[in-house]
PDB file of N, CA and C in Angstrom:
ATOM      1  N   UNK A   1      80.090 127.405 122.228  1.00  0.00           N
ATOM      2  CA  UNK A   1      81.294 127.545 122.977  1.00  0.00           C
ATOM      3  C   UNK A   1      81.674 126.177 123.598  1.00  0.00           C
ATOM      4  N   UNK A   2      82.936 125.853 123.517  1.00  0.00           N
ATOM      5  CA  UNK A   2      83.421 124.575 124.061  1.00  0.00           C
ATOM      6  C   UNK A   2      83.704 124.749 125.569  1.00  0.00           C
ATOM      7  N   UNK A   3      83.178 123.806 126.352  1.00  0.00           N
ATOM      8  CA  UNK A   3      83.422 123.784 127.749  1.00  0.00           C
ATOM      9  C   UNK A   3      84.620 122.875 128.022  1.00  0.00           C
ATOM     10  N   UNK A   4      85.635 123.440 128.638  1.00  0.00           N
ATOM     11  CA  UNK A   4      86.876 122.696 128.903  1.00  0.00           C
ATOM     12  C   UNK A   4      86.752 122.000 130.255  1.00  0.00           C
ATOM     13  N   UNK A   5      87.064 120.733 130.274  1.00  0.00           N
ATOM     14  CA  UNK A   5      87.118 119.963 131.485  1.00  0.00           C
ATOM     15  C   UNK A   5      88.514 120.101 132.085  1.00  0.00           C
ATOM     16  N   UNK A   6      88.695 121.058 133.016  1.00  0.00           N
ATOM     17  CA  UNK A   6      89.973 121.384 133.570  1.00  0.00           C
ATOM     18  C   UNK A   6      90.544 120.253 134.408  1.00  0.00           C
ATOM     19  N   UNK A   7      89.671 119.460 135.029  1.00  0.00           N
ATOM     20  CA  UNK A   7      90.149 118.306 135.788  1.00  0.00           C
ATOM     21  C   UNK A   7      90.803 117.268 134.864  1.00  0.00           C
ATOM     22  N   UNK A   8      90.241 117.112 133.684  1.00  0.00           N
ATOM     23  CA  UNK A   8      90.820 116.188 132.705  1.00  0.00           C
ATOM     24  C   UNK A   8      92.148 116.742 132.164  1.00  0.00           C
ATOM     25  N   UNK A   9      92.233 118.046 131.976  1.00  0.00           N
ATOM     26  CA  UNK A   9      93.491 118.661 131.525  1.00  0.00           C
ATOM     27  C   UNK A   9      94.544 118.457 132.602  1.00  0.00           C
ATOM     28  N   UNK A  10      94.190 118.650 133.877  1.00  0.00           N
ATOM     29  CA  UNK A  10      95.142 118.483 134.971  1.00  0.00           C
ATOM     30  C   UNK A  10      95.616 117.020 135.055  1.00  0.00           C
ATOM     31  N   UNK A  11      94.715 116.094 134.816  1.00  0.00           N
ATOM     32  CA  UNK A  11      95.109 114.676 134.833  1.00  0.00           C
ATOM     33  C   UNK A  11      96.082 114.417 133.686  1.00  0.00           C
ATOM     34  N   UNK A  12      95.816 114.999 132.510  1.00  0.00           N
ATOM     35  CA  UNK A  12      96.717 114.852 131.390  1.00  0.00           C
ATOM     36  C   UNK A  12      98.083 115.476 131.644  1.00  0.00           C
ATOM     37  N   UNK A  13      98.101 116.627 132.342  1.00  0.00           N
ATOM     38  CA  UNK A  13      99.356 117.250 132.694  1.00  0.00           C
ATOM     39  C   UNK A  13     100.163 116.358 133.630  1.00  0.00           C
ATOM     40  N   UNK A  14      99.491 115.739 134.576  1.00  0.00           N
ATOM     41  CA  UNK A  14     100.204 114.848 135.492  1.00  0.00           C
ATOM     42  C   UNK A  14     100.753 113.616 134.797  1.00  0.00           C
ATOM     43  N   UNK A  15      99.925 112.983 133.990  1.00  0.00           N
ATOM     44  CA  UNK A  15     100.384 111.785 133.254  1.00  0.00           C
ATOM     45  C   UNK A  15     101.495 112.164 132.293  1.00  0.00           C
ATOM     46  N   UNK A  16     101.303 113.265 131.573  1.00  0.00           N
ATOM     47  CA  UNK A  16     102.294 113.735 130.613  1.00  0.00           C
ATOM     48  C   UNK A  16     103.614 114.121 131.232  1.00  0.00           C
ATOM     49  N   UNK A  17     103.572 114.765 132.378  1.00  0.00           N
ATOM     50  CA  UNK A  17     104.796 115.169 133.051  1.00  0.00           C
ATOM     51  C   UNK A  17     105.592 113.935 133.505  1.00  0.00           C
ATOM     52  N   UNK A  18     104.890 112.957 134.101  1.00  0.00           N
ATOM     53  CA  UNK A  18     105.579 111.762 134.534  1.00  0.00           C
ATOM     54  C   UNK A  18     106.180 110.988 133.328  1.00  0.00           C
ATOM     55  N   UNK A  19     105.387 110.846 132.305  1.00  0.00           N
ATOM     56  CA  UNK A  19     105.864 110.100 131.140  1.00  0.00           C
ATOM     57  C   UNK A  19     107.022 110.847 130.440  1.00  0.00           C
ATOM     58  N   UNK A  20     106.946 112.160 130.375  1.00  0.00           N
ATOM     59  CA  UNK A  20     107.998 112.946 129.735  1.00  0.00           C
ATOM     60  C   UNK A  20     109.292 112.899 130.537  1.00  0.00           C
ATOM     61  N   UNK A  21     109.165 112.930 131.860  1.00  0.00           N
ATOM     62  CA  UNK A  21     110.362 112.838 132.702  1.00  0.00           C
ATOM     63  C   UNK A  21     111.063 111.491 132.508  1.00  0.00           C
ATOM     64  N   UNK A  22     110.302 110.424 132.391  1.00  0.00           N
ATOM     65  CA  UNK A  22     110.870 109.115 132.131  1.00  0.00           C
ATOM     66  C   UNK A  22     111.497 109.091 130.749  1.00  0.00           C
ATOM     67  N   UNK A  23     110.844 109.705 129.763  1.00  0.00           N
ATOM     68  CA  UNK A  23     111.341 109.794 128.396  1.00  0.00           C
ATOM     69  C   UNK A  23     112.714 110.456 128.352  1.00  0.00           C
ATOM     70  N   UNK A  24     112.817 111.596 128.994  1.00  0.00           N
ATOM     71  CA  UNK A  24     114.094 112.351 128.960  1.00  0.00           C
ATOM     72  C   UNK A  24     115.156 111.747 129.865  1.00  0.00           C
ATOM     73  N   UNK A  25     114.751 111.094 130.955  1.00  0.00           N
ATOM     74  CA  UNK A  25     115.715 110.352 131.772  1.00  0.00           C
ATOM     75  C   UNK A  25     116.283 109.186 130.949  1.00  0.00           C
ATOM     76  N   UNK A  26     115.406 108.520 130.175  1.00  0.00           N
ATOM     77  CA  UNK A  26     115.874 107.467 129.293  1.00  0.00           C
ATOM     78  C   UNK A  26     116.816 107.966 128.225  1.00  0.00           C
ATOM     79  N   UNK A  27     116.539 109.167 127.727  1.00  0.00           N
ATOM     80  CA  UNK A  27     117.429 109.787 126.751  1.00  0.00           C
ATOM     81  C   UNK A  27     118.801 110.028 127.358  1.00  0.00           C
ATOM     82  N   UNK A  28     118.822 110.547 128.559  1.00  0.00           N
ATOM     83  CA  UNK A  28     120.109 110.804 129.229  1.00  0.00           C
ATOM     84  C   UNK A  28     120.882 109.507 129.502  1.00  0.00           C
ATOM     85  N   UNK A  29     120.153 108.485 129.967  1.00  0.00           N
ATOM     86  CA  UNK A  29     120.777 107.189 130.239  1.00  0.00           C
ATOM     87  C   UNK A  29     121.308 106.575 128.948  1.00  0.00           C
ATOM     88  N   UNK A  30     120.496 106.633 127.880  1.00  0.00           N
ATOM     89  CA  UNK A  30     120.942 106.111 126.608  1.00  0.00           C
ATOM     90  C   UNK A  30     122.180 106.798 126.091  1.00  0.00           C
ATOM     91  N   UNK A  31     122.247 108.105 126.247  1.00  0.00           N
ATOM     92  CA  UNK A  31     123.416 108.842 125.795  1.00  0.00           C
ATOM     93  C   UNK A  31     124.641 108.447 126.614  1.00  0.00           C
ATOM     94  N   UNK A  32     124.479 108.335 127.902  1.00  0.00           N
ATOM     95  CA  UNK A  32     125.625 107.956 128.765  1.00  0.00           C
ATOM     96  C   UNK A  32     126.123 106.560 128.410  1.00  0.00           C
ATOM     97  N   UNK A  33     125.192 105.631 128.226  1.00  0.00           N
ATOM     98  CA  UNK A  33     125.605 104.261 127.843  1.00  0.00           C
ATOM     99  C   UNK A  33     126.261 104.238 126.461  1.00  0.00           C
ATOM    100  N   UNK A  34     125.765 105.017 125.550  1.00  0.00           N
ATOM    101  CA  UNK A  34     126.304 105.048 124.185  1.00  0.00           C
ATOM    102  C   UNK A  34     127.733 105.607 124.186  1.00  0.00           C
ATOM    103  N   UNK A  35     127.979 106.576 125.055  1.00  0.00           N
ATOM    104  CA  UNK A  35     129.326 107.125 125.082  1.00  0.00           C
ATOM    105  C   UNK A  35     130.341 106.209 125.668  1.00  0.00           C
ATOM    106  N   UNK A  36     129.886 105.156 126.392  1.00  0.00           N
ATOM    107  CA  UNK A  36     130.825 104.217 126.977  1.00  0.00           C
ATOM    108  C   UNK A  36     131.121 103.040 126.053  1.00  0.00           C
ATOM    109  N   UNK A  37     130.429 102.924 124.946  1.00  0.00           N
ATOM    110  CA  UNK A  37     130.633 101.781 124.067  1.00  0.00           C
ATOM    111  C   UNK A  37     131.409 102.170 122.822  1.00  0.00           C
ATOM    112  N   UNK A  38     131.900 101.133 122.169  1.00  0.00           N
ATOM    113  CA  UNK A  38     132.635 101.355 120.910  1.00  0.00           C
ATOM    114  C   UNK A  38     131.713 101.626 119.746  1.00  0.00           C
ATOM    115  N   UNK A  39     130.502 101.047 119.778  1.00  0.00           N
ATOM    116  CA  UNK A  39     129.532 101.253 118.689  1.00  0.00           C
ATOM    117  C   UNK A  39     128.286 101.888 119.285  1.00  0.00           C
ATOM    118  N   UNK A  40     128.272 103.173 119.466  1.00  0.00           N
ATOM    119  CA  UNK A  40     127.153 103.852 120.165  1.00  0.00           C
ATOM    120  C   UNK A  40     125.852 103.828 119.380  1.00  0.00           C
ATOM    121  N   UNK A  41     125.886 103.629 118.079  1.00  0.00           N
ATOM    122  CA  UNK A  41     124.648 103.705 117.288  1.00  0.00           C
ATOM    123  C   UNK A  41     123.655 102.638 117.698  1.00  0.00           C
ATOM    124  N   UNK A  42     124.151 101.447 118.091  1.00  0.00           N
ATOM    125  CA  UNK A  42     123.262 100.375 118.526  1.00  0.00           C
ATOM    126  C   UNK A  42     122.461 100.767 119.768  1.00  0.00           C
ATOM    127  N   UNK A  43     123.136 101.351 120.737  1.00  0.00           N
ATOM    128  CA  UNK A  43     122.468 101.800 121.945  1.00  0.00           C
ATOM    129  C   UNK A  43     121.514 102.932 121.651  1.00  0.00           C
ATOM    130  N   UNK A  44     121.931 103.851 120.843  1.00  0.00           N
ATOM    131  CA  UNK A  44     121.116 105.039 120.528  1.00  0.00           C
ATOM    132  C   UNK A  44     119.835 104.628 119.817  1.00  0.00           C
ATOM    133  N   UNK A  45     119.930 103.733 118.868  1.00  0.00           N
ATOM    134  CA  UNK A  45     118.741 103.310 118.091  1.00  0.00           C
ATOM    135  C   UNK A  45     117.793 102.512 119.016  1.00  0.00           C
ATOM    136  N   UNK A  46     118.325 101.606 119.821  1.00  0.00           N
ATOM    137  CA  UNK A  46     117.491 100.844 120.723  1.00  0.00           C
ATOM    138  C   UNK A  46     116.791 101.754 121.733  1.00  0.00           C
ATOM    139  N   UNK A  47     117.556 102.717 122.280  1.00  0.00           N
ATOM    140  CA  UNK A  47     116.996 103.651 123.216  1.00  0.00           C
ATOM    141  C   UNK A  47     115.903 104.498 122.584  1.00  0.00           C
ATOM    142  N   UNK A  48     116.139 104.971 121.394  1.00  0.00           N
ATOM    143  CA  UNK A  48     115.140 105.799 120.700  1.00  0.00           C
ATOM    144  C   UNK A  48     113.867 105.004 120.408  1.00  0.00           C
ATOM    145  N   UNK A  49     114.018 103.786 119.875  1.00  0.00           N
ATOM    146  CA  UNK A  49     112.868 102.979 119.580  1.00  0.00           C
ATOM    147  C   UNK A  49     112.038 102.653 120.822  1.00  0.00           C
ATOM    148  N   UNK A  50     112.708 102.333 121.883  1.00  0.00           N
ATOM    149  CA  UNK A  50     111.996 102.010 123.116  1.00  0.00           C
ATOM    150  C   UNK A  50     111.295 103.253 123.708  1.00  0.00           C
ATOM    151  N   UNK A  51     112.002 104.368 123.760  1.00  0.00           N
ATOM    152  CA  UNK A  51     111.387 105.597 124.321  1.00  0.00           C
ATOM    153  C   UNK A  51     110.214 106.078 123.477  1.00  0.00           C
ATOM    154  N   UNK A  52     110.355 106.083 122.149  1.00  0.00           N
ATOM    155  CA  UNK A  52     109.304 106.545 121.272  1.00  0.00           C
ATOM    156  C   UNK A  52     108.096 105.622 121.350  1.00  0.00           C
ATOM    157  N   UNK A  53     108.345 104.322 121.379  1.00  0.00           N
ATOM    158  CA  UNK A  53     107.222 103.346 121.473  1.00  0.00           C
ATOM    159  C   UNK A  53     106.447 103.552 122.750  1.00  0.00           C
ATOM    160  N   UNK A  54     107.148 103.703 123.871  1.00  0.00           N
ATOM    161  CA  UNK A  54     106.471 103.881 125.147  1.00  0.00           C
ATOM    162  C   UNK A  54     105.698 105.217 125.180  1.00  0.00           C
ATOM    163  N   UNK A  55     106.317 106.282 124.711  1.00  0.00           N
ATOM    164  CA  UNK A  55     105.646 107.562 124.706  1.00  0.00           C
ATOM    165  C   UNK A  55     104.373 107.556 123.834  1.00  0.00           C
ATOM    166  N   UNK A  56     104.505 107.020 122.624  1.00  0.00           N
ATOM    167  CA  UNK A  56     103.349 106.940 121.741  1.00  0.00           C
ATOM    168  C   UNK A  56     102.282 105.973 122.278  1.00  0.00           C
ATOM    169  N   UNK A  57     102.707 104.890 122.880  1.00  0.00           N
ATOM    170  CA  UNK A  57     101.774 103.964 123.446  1.00  0.00           C
ATOM    171  C   UNK A  57     100.962 104.528 124.587  1.00  0.00           C
ATOM    172  N   UNK A  58     101.622 105.242 125.460  1.00  0.00           N
ATOM    173  CA  UNK A  58     100.917 105.912 126.553  1.00  0.00           C
ATOM    174  C   UNK A  58     100.039 107.032 126.005  1.00  0.00           C
ATOM    175  N   UNK A  59     100.529 107.774 125.049  1.00  0.00           N
ATOM    176  CA  UNK A  59      99.733 108.837 124.417  1.00  0.00           C
ATOM    177  C   UNK A  59      98.504 108.269 123.771  1.00  0.00           C
ATOM    178  N   UNK A  60      98.628 107.134 123.073  1.00  0.00           N
ATOM    179  CA  UNK A  60      97.490 106.515 122.431  1.00  0.00           C
ATOM    180  C   UNK A  60      96.467 106.050 123.505  1.00  0.00           C
ATOM    181  N   UNK A  61      96.975 105.420 124.572  1.00  0.00           N
ATOM    182  CA  UNK A  61      96.086 104.968 125.639  1.00  0.00           C
ATOM    183  C   UNK A  61      95.337 106.125 126.275  1.00  0.00           C
ATOM    184  N   UNK A  62      96.052 107.215 126.503  1.00  0.00           N
ATOM    185  CA  UNK A  62      95.427 108.408 127.073  1.00  0.00           C
ATOM    186  C   UNK A  62      94.312 108.902 126.133  1.00  0.00           C
ATOM    187  N   UNK A  63      94.596 109.021 124.880  1.00  0.00           N
ATOM    188  CA  UNK A  63      93.607 109.501 123.921  1.00  0.00           C
ATOM    189  C   UNK A  63      92.394 108.570 123.814  1.00  0.00           C
ATOM    190  N   UNK A  64      92.658 107.261 123.750  1.00  0.00           N
ATOM    191  CA  UNK A  64      91.613 106.300 123.534  1.00  0.00           C
ATOM    192  C   UNK A  64      90.714 106.119 124.753  1.00  0.00           C
ATOM    193  N   UNK A  65      91.321 106.034 125.925  1.00  0.00           N
ATOM    194  CA  UNK A  65      90.557 105.721 127.142  1.00  0.00           C
ATOM    195  C   UNK A  65      90.111 106.955 127.925  1.00  0.00           C
ATOM    196  N   UNK A  66      90.854 108.029 127.849  1.00  0.00           N
ATOM    197  CA  UNK A  66      90.570 109.184 128.733  1.00  0.00           C
ATOM    198  C   UNK A  66      90.014 110.402 127.994  1.00  0.00           C
ATOM    199  N   UNK A  67      90.234 110.529 126.725  1.00  0.00           N
ATOM    200  CA  UNK A  67      89.594 111.603 125.973  1.00  0.00           C
ATOM    201  C   UNK A  67      90.535 112.719 125.533  1.00  0.00           C
ATOM    202  N   UNK A  68      89.985 113.632 124.760  1.00  0.00           N
ATOM    203  CA  UNK A  68      90.836 114.690 124.113  1.00  0.00           C
ATOM    204  C   UNK A  68      91.349 115.723 125.093  1.00  0.00           C
ATOM    205  N   UNK A  69      90.664 116.007 126.177  1.00  0.00           N
ATOM    206  CA  UNK A  69      91.173 117.011 127.097  1.00  0.00           C
ATOM    207  C   UNK A  69      92.369 116.496 127.890  1.00  0.00           C
ATOM    208  N   UNK A  70      92.343 115.203 128.209  1.00  0.00           N
ATOM    209  CA  UNK A  70      93.480 114.598 128.867  1.00  0.00           C
ATOM    210  C   UNK A  70      94.668 114.527 127.895  1.00  0.00           C
ATOM    211  N   UNK A  71      94.374 114.235 126.634  1.00  0.00           N
ATOM    212  CA  UNK A  71      95.428 114.196 125.616  1.00  0.00           C
ATOM    213  C   UNK A  71      96.038 115.607 125.463  1.00  0.00           C
ATOM    214  N   UNK A  72      95.231 116.636 125.477  1.00  0.00           N
ATOM    215  CA  UNK A  72      95.758 117.995 125.348  1.00  0.00           C
ATOM    216  C   UNK A  72      96.686 118.313 126.500  1.00  0.00           C
ATOM    217  N   UNK A  73      96.314 117.928 127.741  1.00  0.00           N
ATOM    218  CA  UNK A  73      97.181 118.137 128.885  1.00  0.00           C
ATOM    219  C   UNK A  73      98.461 117.328 128.765  1.00  0.00           C
ATOM    220  N   UNK A  74      98.320 116.093 128.301  1.00  0.00           N
ATOM    221  CA  UNK A  74      99.480 115.220 128.098  1.00  0.00           C
ATOM    222  C   UNK A  74     100.475 115.860 127.136  1.00  0.00           C
ATOM    223  N   UNK A  75      99.999 116.340 126.021  1.00  0.00           N
ATOM    224  CA  UNK A  75     100.873 116.963 125.005  1.00  0.00           C
ATOM    225  C   UNK A  75     101.514 118.225 125.556  1.00  0.00           C
ATOM    226  N   UNK A  76     100.717 119.045 126.254  1.00  0.00           N
ATOM    227  CA  UNK A  76     101.247 120.300 126.834  1.00  0.00           C
ATOM    228  C   UNK A  76     102.344 119.975 127.823  1.00  0.00           C
ATOM    229  N   UNK A  77     102.138 118.976 128.663  1.00  0.00           N
ATOM    230  CA  UNK A  77     103.146 118.604 129.644  1.00  0.00           C
ATOM    231  C   UNK A  77     104.431 118.144 128.957  1.00  0.00           C
ATOM    232  N   UNK A  78     104.306 117.403 127.874  1.00  0.00           N
ATOM    233  CA  UNK A  78     105.512 116.959 127.154  1.00  0.00           C
ATOM    234  C   UNK A  78     106.308 118.159 126.683  1.00  0.00           C
ATOM    235  N   UNK A  79     105.657 119.155 126.105  1.00  0.00           N
ATOM    236  CA  UNK A  79     106.386 120.328 125.622  1.00  0.00           C
ATOM    237  C   UNK A  79     106.973 121.142 126.762  1.00  0.00           C
ATOM    238  N   UNK A  80     106.292 121.211 127.885  1.00  0.00           N
ATOM    239  CA  UNK A  80     106.848 121.906 129.024  1.00  0.00           C
ATOM    240  C   UNK A  80     108.114 121.203 129.536  1.00  0.00           C
ATOM    241  N   UNK A  81     108.005 119.919 129.760  1.00  0.00           N
ATOM    242  CA  UNK A  81     109.150 119.138 130.235  1.00  0.00           C
ATOM    243  C   UNK A  81     110.300 119.204 129.233  1.00  0.00           C
ATOM    244  N   UNK A  82     109.963 119.129 127.958  1.00  0.00           N
ATOM    245  CA  UNK A  82     111.014 119.211 126.909  1.00  0.00           C
ATOM    246  C   UNK A  82     111.724 120.558 126.954  1.00  0.00           C
ATOM    247  N   UNK A  83     110.964 121.640 127.158  1.00  0.00           N
ATOM    248  CA  UNK A  83     111.567 122.969 127.279  1.00  0.00           C
ATOM    249  C   UNK A  83     112.495 123.063 128.462  1.00  0.00           C
ATOM    250  N   UNK A  84     112.068 122.540 129.594  1.00  0.00           N
ATOM    251  CA  UNK A  84     112.907 122.551 130.797  1.00  0.00           C
ATOM    252  C   UNK A  84     114.147 121.700 130.605  1.00  0.00           C
ATOM    253  N   UNK A  85     114.000 120.495 130.037  1.00  0.00           N
ATOM    254  CA  UNK A  85     115.161 119.602 129.807  1.00  0.00           C
ATOM    255  C   UNK A  85     116.135 120.276 128.850  1.00  0.00           C
ATOM    256  N   UNK A  86     115.645 120.904 127.811  1.00  0.00           N
ATOM    257  CA  UNK A  86     116.523 121.549 126.865  1.00  0.00           C
ATOM    258  C   UNK A  86     117.260 122.745 127.519  1.00  0.00           C
ATOM    259  N   UNK A  87     116.561 123.481 128.349  1.00  0.00           N
ATOM    260  CA  UNK A  87     117.208 124.603 129.023  1.00  0.00           C
ATOM    261  C   UNK A  87     118.312 124.108 129.958  1.00  0.00           C
ATOM    262  N   UNK A  88     118.045 123.014 130.667  1.00  0.00           N
ATOM    263  CA  UNK A  88     119.048 122.464 131.570  1.00  0.00           C
ATOM    264  C   UNK A  88     120.265 121.957 130.795  1.00  0.00           C
ATOM    265  N   UNK A  89     120.004 121.287 129.659  1.00  0.00           N
ATOM    266  CA  UNK A  89     121.100 120.783 128.837  1.00  0.00           C
ATOM    267  C   UNK A  89     121.926 121.935 128.245  1.00  0.00           C
ATOM    268  N   UNK A  90     121.273 122.978 127.833  1.00  0.00           N
ATOM    269  CA  UNK A  90     122.013 124.128 127.280  1.00  0.00           C
ATOM    270  C   UNK A  90     122.813 124.873 128.330  1.00  0.00           C
ATOM    271  N   UNK A  91     122.322 124.903 129.578  1.00  0.00           N
ATOM    272  CA  UNK A  91     122.994 125.583 130.650  1.00  0.00           C
ATOM    273  C   UNK A  91     124.230 124.840 131.085  1.00  0.00           C
ATOM    274  N   UNK A  92     124.322 123.555 130.729  1.00  0.00           N
ATOM    275  CA  UNK A  92     125.489 122.787 131.125  1.00  0.00           C
ATOM    276  C   UNK A  92     125.538 122.441 132.608  1.00  0.00           C
ATOM    277  N   UNK A  93     124.407 122.221 133.191  1.00  0.00           N
ATOM    278  CA  UNK A  93     124.364 121.862 134.582  1.00  0.00           C
ATOM    279  C   UNK A  93     124.995 120.493 134.755  1.00  0.00           C
ATOM    280  N   UNK A  94     125.985 120.390 135.690  1.00  0.00           N
ATOM    281  CA  UNK A  94     126.674 119.102 135.838  1.00  0.00           C
ATOM    282  C   UNK A  94     125.744 118.062 136.473  1.00  0.00           C
ATOM    283  N   UNK A  95     125.960 116.817 136.092  1.00  0.00           N
ATOM    284  CA  UNK A  95     125.212 115.695 136.627  1.00  0.00           C
ATOM    285  C   UNK A  95     126.024 115.077 137.751  1.00  0.00           C
ATOM    286  N   UNK A  96     125.466 115.099 138.944  1.00  0.00           N
ATOM    287  CA  UNK A  96     126.120 114.592 140.155  1.00  0.00           C
ATOM    288  C   UNK A  96     127.479 115.211 140.348  1.00  0.00           C
ATOM    289  N   UNK A  97     128.518 114.406 140.416  1.00  0.00           N
ATOM    290  CA  UNK A  97     129.869 114.915 140.677  1.00  0.00           C
ATOM    291  C   UNK A  97     130.697 115.016 139.406  1.00  0.00           C
ATOM    292  N   UNK A  98     130.087 115.338 138.323  1.00  0.00           N
ATOM    293  CA  UNK A  98     130.836 115.453 137.062  1.00  0.00           C
ATOM    294  C   UNK A  98     131.794 116.641 137.132  1.00  0.00           C
ATOM    295  N   UNK A  99     132.961 116.508 136.567  1.00  0.00           N
ATOM    296  CA  UNK A  99     133.946 117.613 136.631  1.00  0.00           C
ATOM    297  C   UNK A  99     133.580 118.767 135.750  1.00  0.00           C
TER     298      UNK A  99
END
């Protein structure tokens, strides 16, 4: 039977939640900037490359230095934050004072 290190999972959840929130905030910022430009594809590609590189880099560091239980928490947190972000986007919640 595998013994789960719940402290490591909790650490992964914390790191993953913070990283995922930055990832999706970057997505929102990239989308807003792209909509203001005449050639949005440049902004979207740069934003995607930067966000993906940072997410994978942190994920790799978590796996390499902290272990598989922290990585499991990291991945779980990403999917939880993704689900919440998707639900907010689908609900059409206005951002600040948007009409």
